[in-house]
Amino acid sequence: MRILTVGAGAVGGFFGARLAAAGQDVTFLVRPARAEALAARGLRVEGQGEKLHLAPRLVTAGSVGGPYDLVLLSVKATSLGAALDDAGPAVGPGTAVVPLLNGMAHLDALAARLGPAAVLGGVAKVVTTLNEDGDIVRMAPPAVVLTGELDARPSARVDAVREVLAGAGIDSPDTPDIVAAMWHKWVFISTLVSLTCLMRGTVGEIASVPGGAGLSRALLAEACAVAEAAGHPLPEPERAAAAATVTDPGSPLTPSLYRDLVAGAPTEADHVLTDLTVRARALGVATPLLDLAALHLRVHERRLAGARG
């Protein structure tokens, strides 16, 4: 299978490196600065037993080639438009595009630009970050990619993608309803983002003070209510697991959006939180705490826009 990974950051770089190390034909579409760094240093993954050092095959906009059999789209929502411009030539009649973004709004953008037939649903479960050298550091055990047809029908191409992922040590269980799985991931990530960004701390720091765990559970309840109203209720075992994760007093967990916030960088706030609260209004669900978190992040984005302006 000929694979293009759009982005070689903490998520795309990790999964692409796993696939390349397993012998798959993997190319990374990256920006010129990232291409220069990777050409000089290589693609490195470490932590949690990982020790990969690869000389990746790299392309930049204008030299993508194509078509590819599989495109893994793993960019921030803030870069989605540019990524689609760059990756367009990679998509042909038989290409499967698996987006590894949080939320749901990107599906319409992908269908409009690449054609609805190309687009699968996708969920990534991995805890990675980039260190100061640009290397990928794995911080926790999950290495999961869920995928499936958006209309939930059985699909030979989905089976083929899952087989390739599994061969690289990436867990990819059968997911009969990928849209529901995307909603369930959205519930978790919106809770985690809202909690850490409002409180400016790790899960453990927040859960360790009076009222912290209560706030975590209240945010989770709001996000679950939106998903349920949309027709994708979170199963009780998943809800219990999410609650345990966001109330763990020993947890150092923070999402990448929080790390972008404290670094003074642009965030995916509109894609992850604003879109969720807009859908909540349309569904008649009150989400005052999620609204507050979205407002907090809009102020941050406006401040950045003013500084750039």
C-alpha atoms as a PDB file:
ATOM      1  CA  MET A   1       0.000   0.000   0.000  1.00  0.00           C
ATOM      2  CA  ARG A   2       1.383   3.400  -0.991  1.00  0.00           C
ATOM      3  CA  ILE A   3       0.825   5.743   1.961  1.00  0.00           C
ATOM      4  CA  LEU A   4       1.054   9.517   2.297  1.00  0.00           C
ATOM      5  CA  THR A   5       1.118  10.964   5.795  1.00  0.00           C
ATOM      6  CA  VAL A   6       0.147  14.626   5.702  1.00  0.00           C
ATOM      7  CA  GLY A   7       2.140  16.105   8.557  1.00  0.00           C
ATOM      8  CA  ALA A   8       5.031  14.645  10.538  1.00  0.00           C
ATOM      9  CA  GLY A   9       4.262  16.095  13.923  1.00  0.00           C
ATOM     10  CA  ALA A  10       3.460  14.310  17.149  1.00  0.00           C
ATOM     11  CA  VAL A  11       0.548  12.281  15.708  1.00  0.00           C
ATOM     12  CA  GLY A  12       1.292  11.836  12.017  1.00  0.00           C
ATOM     13  CA  GLY A  13       4.978  11.407  12.622  1.00  0.00           C
ATOM     14  CA  PHE A  14       4.358   8.700  15.196  1.00  0.00           C
ATOM     15  CA  PHE A  15       1.963   6.619  13.112  1.00  0.00           C
ATOM     16  CA  GLY A  16       3.940   7.205   9.915  1.00  0.00           C
ATOM     17  CA  ALA A  17       7.160   6.135  11.610  1.00  0.00           C
ATOM     18  CA  ARG A  18       5.508   2.952  12.878  1.00  0.00           C
ATOM     19  CA  LEU A  19       4.267   2.149   9.361  1.00  0.00           C
ATOM     20  CA  ALA A  20       7.626   2.904   7.734  1.00  0.00           C
ATOM     21  CA  ALA A  21       9.483   0.811  10.318  1.00  0.00           C
ATOM     22  CA  ALA A  22       7.144  -2.076   9.486  1.00  0.00           C
ATOM     23  CA  GLY A  23       8.225  -1.905   5.837  1.00  0.00           C
ATOM     24  CA  GLN A  24       5.317   0.032   4.369  1.00  0.00           C
ATOM     25  CA  ASP A  25       5.835   2.500   1.501  1.00  0.00           C
ATOM     26  CA  VAL A  26       5.398   5.757   3.459  1.00  0.00           C
ATOM     27  CA  THR A  27       5.942   9.333   2.311  1.00  0.00           C
ATOM     28  CA  PHE A  28       5.562  12.396   4.535  1.00  0.00           C
ATOM     29  CA  LEU A  29       4.120  15.642   3.174  1.00  0.00           C
ATOM     30  CA  VAL A  30       5.618  18.429   5.276  1.00  0.00           C
ATOM     31  CA  ARG A  31       6.395  22.137   5.248  1.00  0.00           C
ATOM     32  CA  PRO A  32       9.868  23.171   4.006  1.00  0.00           C
ATOM     33  CA  ALA A  33      11.204  23.952   7.489  1.00  0.00           C
ATOM     34  CA  ARG A  34      10.106  20.571   8.845  1.00  0.00           C
ATOM     35  CA  ALA A  35      11.514  18.861   5.746  1.00  0.00           C
ATOM     36  CA  GLU A  36      14.894  20.513   6.344  1.00  0.00           C
ATOM     37  CA  ALA A  37      14.934  19.460  10.004  1.00  0.00           C
ATOM     38  CA  LEU A  38      13.926  15.874   9.240  1.00  0.00           C
ATOM     39  CA  ALA A  39      16.438  15.586   6.419  1.00  0.00           C
ATOM     40  CA  ALA A  40      19.198  16.673   8.789  1.00  0.00           C
ATOM     41  CA  ARG A  41      18.226  14.794  11.936  1.00  0.00           C
ATOM     42  CA  GLY A  42      15.927  12.016  10.763  1.00  0.00           C
ATOM     43  CA  LEU A  43      12.538  11.090  12.186  1.00  0.00           C
ATOM     44  CA  ARG A  44      12.978   9.955  15.775  1.00  0.00           C
ATOM     45  CA  VAL A  45      10.432   8.424  18.153  1.00  0.00           C
ATOM     46  CA  GLU A  46      11.232   7.639  21.781  1.00  0.00           C
ATOM     47  CA  GLY A  47       9.514   6.929  25.094  1.00  0.00           C
ATOM     48  CA  GLN A  48       7.323   4.110  26.409  1.00  0.00           C
ATOM     49  CA  GLY A  49       9.673   1.542  24.896  1.00  0.00           C
ATOM     50  CA  GLU A  50       9.829   3.234  21.468  1.00  0.00           C
ATOM     51  CA  LYS A  51      13.230   3.709  19.852  1.00  0.00           C
ATOM     52  CA  LEU A  52      12.857   4.532  16.161  1.00  0.00           C
ATOM     53  CA  HIS A  53      15.268   6.508  14.016  1.00  0.00           C
ATOM     54  CA  LEU A  54      14.354   6.675  10.352  1.00  0.00           C
ATOM     55  CA  ALA A  55      15.436   8.548   7.258  1.00  0.00           C
ATOM     56  CA  PRO A  56      11.922   9.420   6.043  1.00  0.00           C
ATOM     57  CA  ARG A  57      10.879   9.925   2.447  1.00  0.00           C
ATOM     58  CA  LEU A  58       9.767  13.565   2.289  1.00  0.00           C
ATOM     59  CA  VAL A  59       7.817  15.715  -0.150  1.00  0.00           C
ATOM     60  CA  THR A  60       6.647  19.314   0.049  1.00  0.00           C
ATOM     61  CA  ALA A  61       3.814  21.171  -1.684  1.00  0.00           C
ATOM     62  CA  GLY A  62       4.087  20.917  -5.444  1.00  0.00           C
ATOM     63  CA  SER A  63       6.019  17.642  -5.448  1.00  0.00           C
ATOM     64  CA  VAL A  64       3.487  15.290  -3.872  1.00  0.00           C
ATOM     65  CA  GLY A  65       3.025  12.920  -6.775  1.00  0.00           C
ATOM     66  CA  GLY A  66       0.162  10.526  -6.632  1.00  0.00           C
ATOM     67  CA  PRO A  67      -2.257   9.072  -6.417  1.00  0.00           C
ATOM     68  CA  TYR A  68      -1.672   7.198  -3.174  1.00  0.00           C
ATOM     69  CA  ASP A  69      -3.658   4.267  -1.806  1.00  0.00           C
ATOM     70  CA  LEU A  70      -3.974   5.742   1.691  1.00  0.00           C
ATOM     71  CA  VAL A  71      -3.688   9.312   2.944  1.00  0.00           C
ATOM     72  CA  LEU A  72      -3.383   9.807   6.704  1.00  0.00           C
ATOM     73  CA  LEU A  73      -4.328  13.408   7.402  1.00  0.00           C
ATOM     74  CA  SER A  74      -2.837  14.473  10.723  1.00  0.00           C
ATOM     75  CA  VAL A  75      -2.596  18.259  10.828  1.00  0.00           C
ATOM     76  CA  LYS A  76      -4.064  20.797  13.196  1.00  0.00           C
ATOM     77  CA  ALA A  77      -7.450  22.149  12.177  1.00  0.00           C
ATOM     78  CA  THR A  78      -5.870  25.601  11.833  1.00  0.00           C
ATOM     79  CA  SER A  79      -3.754  24.223   8.953  1.00  0.00           C
ATOM     80  CA  LEU A  80      -6.455  22.116   7.309  1.00  0.00           C
ATOM     81  CA  GLY A  81      -7.144  24.389   4.321  1.00  0.00           C
ATOM     82  CA  ALA A  82      -3.478  24.634   3.347  1.00  0.00           C
ATOM     83  CA  ALA A  83      -3.001  20.892   3.885  1.00  0.00           C
ATOM     84  CA  LEU A  84      -5.872  20.107   1.533  1.00  0.00           C
ATOM     85  CA  ASP A  85      -4.399  22.385  -1.113  1.00  0.00           C
ATOM     86  CA  ASP A  86      -1.068  20.610  -0.814  1.00  0.00           C
ATOM     87  CA  ALA A  87      -2.459  17.062  -0.614  1.00  0.00           C
ATOM     88  CA  GLY A  88      -5.019  17.336  -3.426  1.00  0.00           C
ATOM     89  CA  PRO A  89      -2.803  15.675  -6.079  1.00  0.00           C
ATOM     90  CA  ALA A  90      -2.339  12.660  -3.810  1.00  0.00           C
ATOM     91  CA  VAL A  91      -6.012  11.687  -4.033  1.00  0.00           C
ATOM     92  CA  GLY A  92      -7.185   9.573  -6.943  1.00  0.00           C
ATOM     93  CA  PRO A  93     -10.280   7.447  -7.627  1.00  0.00           C
ATOM     94  CA  GLY A  94      -9.079   4.621  -5.373  1.00  0.00           C
ATOM     95  CA  THR A  95      -7.567   6.656  -2.539  1.00  0.00           C
ATOM     96  CA  ALA A  96      -8.797   6.270   1.037  1.00  0.00           C
ATOM     97  CA  VAL A  97      -8.374   9.401   3.182  1.00  0.00           C
ATOM     98  CA  VAL A  98      -8.336   8.850   6.952  1.00  0.00           C
ATOM     99  CA  PRO A  99      -8.463  12.132   8.905  1.00  0.00           C
ATOM    100  CA  LEU A 100      -6.988  12.030  12.405  1.00  0.00           C
ATOM    101  CA  LEU A 101      -8.446  15.321  13.658  1.00  0.00           C
ATOM    102  CA  ASN A 102     -10.678  15.901  16.657  1.00  0.00           C
ATOM    103  CA  GLY A 103     -14.251  17.067  16.218  1.00  0.00           C
ATOM    104  CA  MET A 104     -16.446  16.703  13.153  1.00  0.00           C
ATOM    105  CA  ALA A 105     -16.300  19.926  11.126  1.00  0.00           C
ATOM    106  CA  HIS A 106     -13.395  18.744   8.998  1.00  0.00           C
ATOM    107  CA  LEU A 107     -15.534  16.043   7.361  1.00  0.00           C
ATOM    108  CA  ASP A 108     -17.512  18.571   5.321  1.00  0.00           C
ATOM    109  CA  ALA A 109     -14.321  20.359   4.272  1.00  0.00           C
ATOM    110  CA  LEU A 110     -12.737  17.092   3.178  1.00  0.00           C
ATOM    111  CA  ALA A 111     -15.784  15.980   1.213  1.00  0.00           C
ATOM    112  CA  ALA A 112     -15.992  19.338  -0.552  1.00  0.00           C
ATOM    113  CA  ARG A 113     -12.318  19.393  -1.536  1.00  0.00           C
ATOM    114  CA  LEU A 114     -11.468  15.734  -2.131  1.00  0.00           C
ATOM    115  CA  GLY A 115     -14.861  14.205  -2.919  1.00  0.00           C
ATOM    116  CA  PRO A 116     -17.054  12.366  -0.423  1.00  0.00           C
ATOM    117  CA  ALA A 117     -16.182   8.936  -1.822  1.00  0.00           C
ATOM    118  CA  ALA A 118     -12.557   9.291  -0.716  1.00  0.00           C
ATOM    119  CA  VAL A 119     -13.212  10.165   2.914  1.00  0.00           C
ATOM    120  CA  LEU A 120     -13.350   7.682   5.773  1.00  0.00           C
ATOM    121  CA  GLY A 121     -13.958   8.484   9.412  1.00  0.00           C
ATOM    122  CA  GLY A 122     -10.976   8.387  11.711  1.00  0.00           C
ATOM    123  CA  VAL A 123     -10.040   8.540  15.384  1.00  0.00           C
ATOM    124  CA  ALA A 124      -6.505   8.605  16.776  1.00  0.00           C
ATOM    125  CA  LYS A 125      -5.768   7.619  20.352  1.00  0.00           C
ATOM    126  CA  VAL A 126      -2.154   8.407  21.146  1.00  0.00           C
ATOM    127  CA  VAL A 127      -0.357  10.585  23.707  1.00  0.00           C
ATOM    128  CA  THR A 128       2.693  12.108  22.041  1.00  0.00           C
ATOM    129  CA  THR A 129       4.456  15.448  21.822  1.00  0.00           C
ATOM    130  CA  LEU A 130       7.451  17.035  20.110  1.00  0.00           C
ATOM    131  CA  ASN A 131      10.499  17.878  22.206  1.00  0.00           C
ATOM    132  CA  GLU A 132      12.808  20.844  21.670  1.00  0.00           C
ATOM    133  CA  ASP A 133      14.746  18.917  19.006  1.00  0.00           C
ATOM    134  CA  GLY A 134      11.589  18.146  17.025  1.00  0.00           C
ATOM    135  CA  ASP A 135      11.666  14.473  18.007  1.00  0.00           C
ATOM    136  CA  ILE A 136       8.446  12.636  18.878  1.00  0.00           C
ATOM    137  CA  VAL A 137       8.081  11.581  22.505  1.00  0.00           C
ATOM    138  CA  ARG A 138       5.484   8.967  23.386  1.00  0.00           C
ATOM    139  CA  MET A 139       4.121   9.684  26.870  1.00  0.00           C
ATOM    140  CA  ALA A 140       1.501   6.957  27.433  1.00  0.00           C
ATOM    141  CA  PRO A 141       0.677   3.490  26.047  1.00  0.00           C
ATOM    142  CA  PRO A 142      -2.223   3.957  23.575  1.00  0.00           C
ATOM    143  CA  ALA A 143      -1.429   3.548  19.877  1.00  0.00           C
ATOM    144  CA  VAL A 144      -4.852   3.233  18.276  1.00  0.00           C
ATOM    145  CA  VAL A 145      -6.387   4.302  14.963  1.00  0.00           C
ATOM    146  CA  LEU A 146     -10.086   3.659  14.428  1.00  0.00           C
ATOM    147  CA  THR A 147     -11.514   3.971  10.937  1.00  0.00           C
ATOM    148  CA  GLY A 148     -14.601   3.052   8.989  1.00  0.00           C
ATOM    149  CA  GLU A 149     -16.997   4.131   6.273  1.00  0.00           C
ATOM    150  CA  LEU A 150     -19.043   7.155   7.298  1.00  0.00           C
ATOM    151  CA  ASP A 151     -22.258   5.363   6.320  1.00  0.00           C
ATOM    152  CA  ALA A 152     -21.260   2.365   8.497  1.00  0.00           C
ATOM    153  CA  ARG A 153     -21.334  -0.135   5.611  1.00  0.00           C
ATOM    154  CA  PRO A 154     -18.816  -3.021   5.480  1.00  0.00           C
ATOM    155  CA  SER A 155     -15.877  -2.127   3.281  1.00  0.00           C
ATOM    156  CA  ALA A 156     -12.946  -3.998   1.763  1.00  0.00           C
ATOM    157  CA  ARG A 157     -10.832  -0.854   1.749  1.00  0.00           C
ATOM    158  CA  VAL A 158     -11.403  -0.350   5.469  1.00  0.00           C
ATOM    159  CA  ASP A 159     -10.374  -3.959   6.096  1.00  0.00           C
ATOM    160  CA  ALA A 160      -7.213  -3.367   4.047  1.00  0.00           C
ATOM    161  CA  VAL A 161      -6.327  -0.192   5.949  1.00  0.00           C
ATOM    162  CA  ARG A 162      -6.897  -1.881   9.313  1.00  0.00           C
ATOM    163  CA  GLU A 163      -4.686  -4.799   8.272  1.00  0.00           C
ATOM    164  CA  VAL A 164      -1.836  -2.461   7.334  1.00  0.00           C
ATOM    165  CA  LEU A 165      -2.148  -0.569  10.605  1.00  0.00           C
ATOM    166  CA  ALA A 166      -2.214  -3.752  12.670  1.00  0.00           C
ATOM    167  CA  GLY A 167       0.895  -4.981  10.877  1.00  0.00           C
ATOM    168  CA  ALA A 168       2.723  -1.908  12.189  1.00  0.00           C
ATOM    169  CA  GLY A 169       1.666  -2.517  15.785  1.00  0.00           C
ATOM    170  CA  ILE A 170      -1.098   0.081  15.622  1.00  0.00           C
ATOM    171  CA  ASP A 171      -4.272  -1.236  17.221  1.00  0.00           C
ATOM    172  CA  SER A 172      -7.207  -0.838  14.827  1.00  0.00           C
ATOM    173  CA  PRO A 173     -10.218  -2.789  16.092  1.00  0.00           C
ATOM    174  CA  ASP A 174     -13.357  -3.235  14.039  1.00  0.00           C
ATOM    175  CA  THR A 175     -15.473  -0.090  14.463  1.00  0.00           C
ATOM    176  CA  PRO A 176     -19.008  -0.624  13.157  1.00  0.00           C
ATOM    177  CA  ASP A 177     -20.028   3.024  13.714  1.00  0.00           C
ATOM    178  CA  ILE A 178     -17.062   5.344  13.159  1.00  0.00           C
ATOM    179  CA  VAL A 179     -19.210   8.492  13.424  1.00  0.00           C
ATOM    180  CA  ALA A 180     -20.249   7.484  16.936  1.00  0.00           C
ATOM    181  CA  ALA A 181     -16.600   6.773  17.776  1.00  0.00           C
ATOM    182  CA  MET A 182     -15.648  10.247  16.543  1.00  0.00           C
ATOM    183  CA  TRP A 183     -18.349  11.793  18.727  1.00  0.00           C
ATOM    184  CA  HIS A 184     -17.163   9.819  21.732  1.00  0.00           C
ATOM    185  CA  LYS A 185     -13.567  10.998  21.249  1.00  0.00           C
ATOM    186  CA  TRP A 186     -14.930  14.541  20.846  1.00  0.00           C
ATOM    187  CA  VAL A 187     -16.716  14.275  24.200  1.00  0.00           C
ATOM    188  CA  PHE A 188     -13.486  13.297  25.910  1.00  0.00           C
ATOM    189  CA  ILE A 189     -11.206  15.823  24.236  1.00  0.00           C
ATOM    190  CA  SER A 190     -13.632  18.732  24.672  1.00  0.00           C
ATOM    191  CA  THR A 191     -13.900  17.909  28.374  1.00  0.00           C
ATOM    192  CA  LEU A 192     -10.132  17.691  28.755  1.00  0.00           C
ATOM    193  CA  VAL A 193      -9.509  20.887  26.772  1.00  0.00           C
ATOM    194  CA  SER A 194     -12.133  22.869  28.674  1.00  0.00           C
ATOM    195  CA  LEU A 195     -10.892  21.664  32.055  1.00  0.00           C
ATOM    196  CA  THR A 196      -7.190  22.327  31.560  1.00  0.00           C
ATOM    197  CA  CYS A 197      -7.582  25.592  29.658  1.00  0.00           C
ATOM    198  CA  LEU A 198     -10.006  27.104  32.162  1.00  0.00           C
ATOM    199  CA  MET A 199      -7.952  26.040  35.172  1.00  0.00           C
ATOM    200  CA  ARG A 200      -4.507  26.401  33.548  1.00  0.00           C
ATOM    201  CA  GLY A 201      -3.166  23.159  34.964  1.00  0.00           C
ATOM    202  CA  THR A 202      -2.766  19.435  34.502  1.00  0.00           C
ATOM    203  CA  VAL A 203      -5.578  17.001  35.280  1.00  0.00           C
ATOM    204  CA  GLY A 204      -3.793  16.031  38.478  1.00  0.00           C
ATOM    205  CA  GLU A 205      -3.311  19.597  39.666  1.00  0.00           C
ATOM    206  CA  ILE A 206      -6.990  20.344  39.141  1.00  0.00           C
ATOM    207  CA  ALA A 207      -8.284  17.111  40.657  1.00  0.00           C
ATOM    208  CA  SER A 208      -6.116  17.616  43.736  1.00  0.00           C
ATOM    209  CA  VAL A 209      -7.878  20.774  44.901  1.00  0.00           C
ATOM    210  CA  PRO A 210     -11.391  21.086  46.372  1.00  0.00           C
ATOM    211  CA  GLY A 211     -13.960  21.363  43.608  1.00  0.00           C
ATOM    212  CA  GLY A 212     -11.590  20.227  40.871  1.00  0.00           C
ATOM    213  CA  ALA A 213     -13.056  16.772  40.337  1.00  0.00           C
ATOM    214  CA  GLY A 214     -16.567  18.219  40.495  1.00  0.00           C
ATOM    215  CA  LEU A 215     -15.752  20.622  37.670  1.00  0.00           C
ATOM    216  CA  SER A 216     -14.322  17.751  35.633  1.00  0.00           C
ATOM    217  CA  ARG A 217     -17.495  15.707  36.031  1.00  0.00           C
ATOM    218  CA  ALA A 218     -19.730  18.691  35.234  1.00  0.00           C
ATOM    219  CA  LEU A 219     -17.857  19.419  31.987  1.00  0.00           C
ATOM    220  CA  LEU A 220     -18.057  15.758  31.018  1.00  0.00           C
ATOM    221  CA  ALA A 221     -21.801  15.722  31.712  1.00  0.00           C
ATOM    222  CA  GLU A 222     -22.350  18.691  29.390  1.00  0.00           C
ATOM    223  CA  ALA A 223     -20.337  17.137  26.563  1.00  0.00           C
ATOM    224  CA  CYS A 224     -22.123  13.799  27.008  1.00  0.00           C
ATOM    225  CA  ALA A 225     -25.498  15.571  26.821  1.00  0.00           C
ATOM    226  CA  VAL A 226     -24.587  17.085  23.445  1.00  0.00           C
ATOM    227  CA  ALA A 227     -23.497  13.727  22.046  1.00  0.00           C
ATOM    228  CA  GLU A 228     -26.654  12.054  23.303  1.00  0.00           C
ATOM    229  CA  ALA A 229     -28.857  14.739  21.741  1.00  0.00           C
ATOM    230  CA  ALA A 230     -26.975  14.224  18.468  1.00  0.00           C
ATOM    231  CA  GLY A 231     -27.835  10.526  18.567  1.00  0.00           C
ATOM    232  CA  HIS A 232     -24.485   9.205  19.770  1.00  0.00           C
ATOM    233  CA  PRO A 233     -24.745   8.604  23.537  1.00  0.00           C
ATOM    234  CA  LEU A 234     -21.528   7.636  25.276  1.00  0.00           C
ATOM    235  CA  PRO A 235     -21.734   4.016  26.525  1.00  0.00           C
ATOM    236  CA  GLU A 236     -21.493   3.813  30.298  1.00  0.00           C
ATOM    237  CA  PRO A 237     -18.105   2.017  30.359  1.00  0.00           C
ATOM    238  CA  GLU A 238     -16.580   4.751  28.170  1.00  0.00           C
ATOM    239  CA  ARG A 239     -18.162   7.473  30.288  1.00  0.00           C
ATOM    240  CA  ALA A 240     -16.802   5.880  33.460  1.00  0.00           C
ATOM    241  CA  ALA A 241     -13.332   5.589  31.919  1.00  0.00           C
ATOM    242  CA  ALA A 242     -13.408   9.226  30.802  1.00  0.00           C
ATOM    243  CA  ALA A 243     -14.540  10.335  34.260  1.00  0.00           C
ATOM    244  CA  ALA A 244     -11.727   8.379  35.900  1.00  0.00           C
ATOM    245  CA  THR A 245      -9.171   9.919  33.546  1.00  0.00           C
ATOM    246  CA  VAL A 246     -10.219  13.550  34.090  1.00  0.00           C
ATOM    247  CA  THR A 247     -10.484  13.198  37.885  1.00  0.00           C
ATOM    248  CA  ASP A 248      -7.181  11.394  38.542  1.00  0.00           C
ATOM    249  CA  PRO A 249      -5.273  13.421  41.172  1.00  0.00           C
ATOM    250  CA  GLY A 250      -1.951  11.927  40.099  1.00  0.00           C
ATOM    251  CA  SER A 251      -2.290  12.591  36.381  1.00  0.00           C
ATOM    252  CA  PRO A 252       0.139  14.850  34.458  1.00  0.00           C
ATOM    253  CA  LEU A 253      -2.208  14.778  31.460  1.00  0.00           C
ATOM    254  CA  THR A 254      -2.777  17.864  29.309  1.00  0.00           C
ATOM    255  CA  PRO A 255      -4.032  18.034  25.704  1.00  0.00           C
ATOM    256  CA  SER A 256      -1.995  19.576  22.895  1.00  0.00           C
ATOM    257  CA  LEU A 257      -4.490  22.445  22.673  1.00  0.00           C
ATOM    258  CA  TYR A 258      -3.668  23.428  26.266  1.00  0.00           C
ATOM    259  CA  ARG A 259       0.054  23.281  25.488  1.00  0.00           C
ATOM    260  CA  ASP A 260      -0.520  25.569  22.504  1.00  0.00           C
ATOM    261  CA  LEU A 261      -2.450  27.965  24.735  1.00  0.00           C
ATOM    262  CA  VAL A 262       0.259  28.281  27.388  1.00  0.00           C
ATOM    263  CA  ALA A 263       2.896  28.662  24.662  1.00  0.00           C
ATOM    264  CA  GLY A 264       0.981  31.643  23.260  1.00  0.00           C
ATOM    265  CA  ALA A 265       0.288  29.850  19.964  1.00  0.00           C
ATOM    266  CA  PRO A 266      -2.913  29.614  17.909  1.00  0.00           C
ATOM    267  CA  THR A 267      -5.232  26.793  18.970  1.00  0.00           C
ATOM    268  CA  GLU A 268      -7.906  24.562  17.481  1.00  0.00           C
ATOM    269  CA  ALA A 269     -10.512  26.140  19.773  1.00  0.00           C
ATOM    270  CA  ASP A 270     -13.066  26.834  17.059  1.00  0.00           C
ATOM    271  CA  HIS A 271     -12.854  23.317  15.677  1.00  0.00           C
ATOM    272  CA  VAL A 272     -12.915  21.523  19.035  1.00  0.00           C
ATOM    273  CA  LEU A 273     -15.057  23.719  21.292  1.00  0.00           C
ATOM    274  CA  THR A 274     -16.903  26.442  19.399  1.00  0.00           C
ATOM    275  CA  ASP A 275     -18.334  23.964  16.910  1.00  0.00           C
ATOM    276  CA  LEU A 276     -19.520  21.741  19.755  1.00  0.00           C
ATOM    277  CA  THR A 277     -21.295  24.610  21.517  1.00  0.00           C
ATOM    278  CA  VAL A 278     -22.927  25.741  18.263  1.00  0.00           C
ATOM    279  CA  ARG A 279     -24.266  22.214  17.764  1.00  0.00           C
ATOM    280  CA  ALA A 280     -25.455  22.196  21.372  1.00  0.00           C
ATOM    281  CA  ARG A 281     -27.508  25.348  20.756  1.00  0.00           C
ATOM    282  CA  ALA A 282     -29.054  23.809  17.645  1.00  0.00           C
ATOM    283  CA  LEU A 283     -29.948  20.687  19.635  1.00  0.00           C
ATOM    284  CA  GLY A 284     -31.399  22.663  22.542  1.00  0.00           C
ATOM    285  CA  VAL A 285     -28.724  21.549  25.031  1.00  0.00           C
ATOM    286  CA  ALA A 286     -27.456  24.002  27.632  1.00  0.00           C
ATOM    287  CA  THR A 287     -23.652  23.969  28.020  1.00  0.00           C
ATOM    288  CA  PRO A 288     -22.695  26.940  30.228  1.00  0.00           C
ATOM    289  CA  LEU A 289     -19.306  25.541  31.258  1.00  0.00           C
ATOM    290  CA  LEU A 290     -18.293  24.555  27.740  1.00  0.00           C
ATOM    291  CA  ASP A 291     -19.483  27.987  26.569  1.00  0.00           C
ATOM    292  CA  LEU A 292     -17.228  29.614  29.165  1.00  0.00           C
ATOM    293  CA  ALA A 293     -14.223  27.595  28.005  1.00  0.00           C
ATOM    294  CA  ALA A 294     -14.931  28.471  24.372  1.00  0.00           C
ATOM    295  CA  LEU A 295     -15.204  32.155  25.297  1.00  0.00           C
ATOM    296  CA  HIS A 296     -11.918  31.992  27.203  1.00  0.00           C
ATOM    297  CA  LEU A 297     -10.179  30.592  24.131  1.00  0.00           C
ATOM    298  CA  ARG A 298     -11.804  33.114  21.783  1.00  0.00           C
ATOM    299  CA  VAL A 299     -10.256  35.909  23.864  1.00  0.00           C
ATOM    300  CA  HIS A 300      -6.870  34.212  23.468  1.00  0.00           C
ATOM    301  CA  GLU A 301      -7.323  33.944  19.689  1.00  0.00           C
ATOM    302  CA  ARG A 302      -8.420  37.597  19.410  1.00  0.00           C
ATOM    303  CA  ARG A 303      -5.363  38.677  21.386  1.00  0.00           C
ATOM    304  CA  LEU A 304      -3.102  36.732  19.044  1.00  0.00           C
ATOM    305  CA  ALA A 305      -4.838  38.184  15.995  1.00  0.00           C
ATOM    306  CA  GLY A 306      -4.267  41.679  17.375  1.00  0.00           C
ATOM    307  CA  ALA A 307      -0.586  40.948  17.965  1.00  0.00           C
ATOM    308  CA  ARG A 308      -0.188  39.687  14.411  1.00  0.00           C
ATOM    309  CA  GLY A 309      -2.341  42.437  12.983  1.00  0.00           C
END
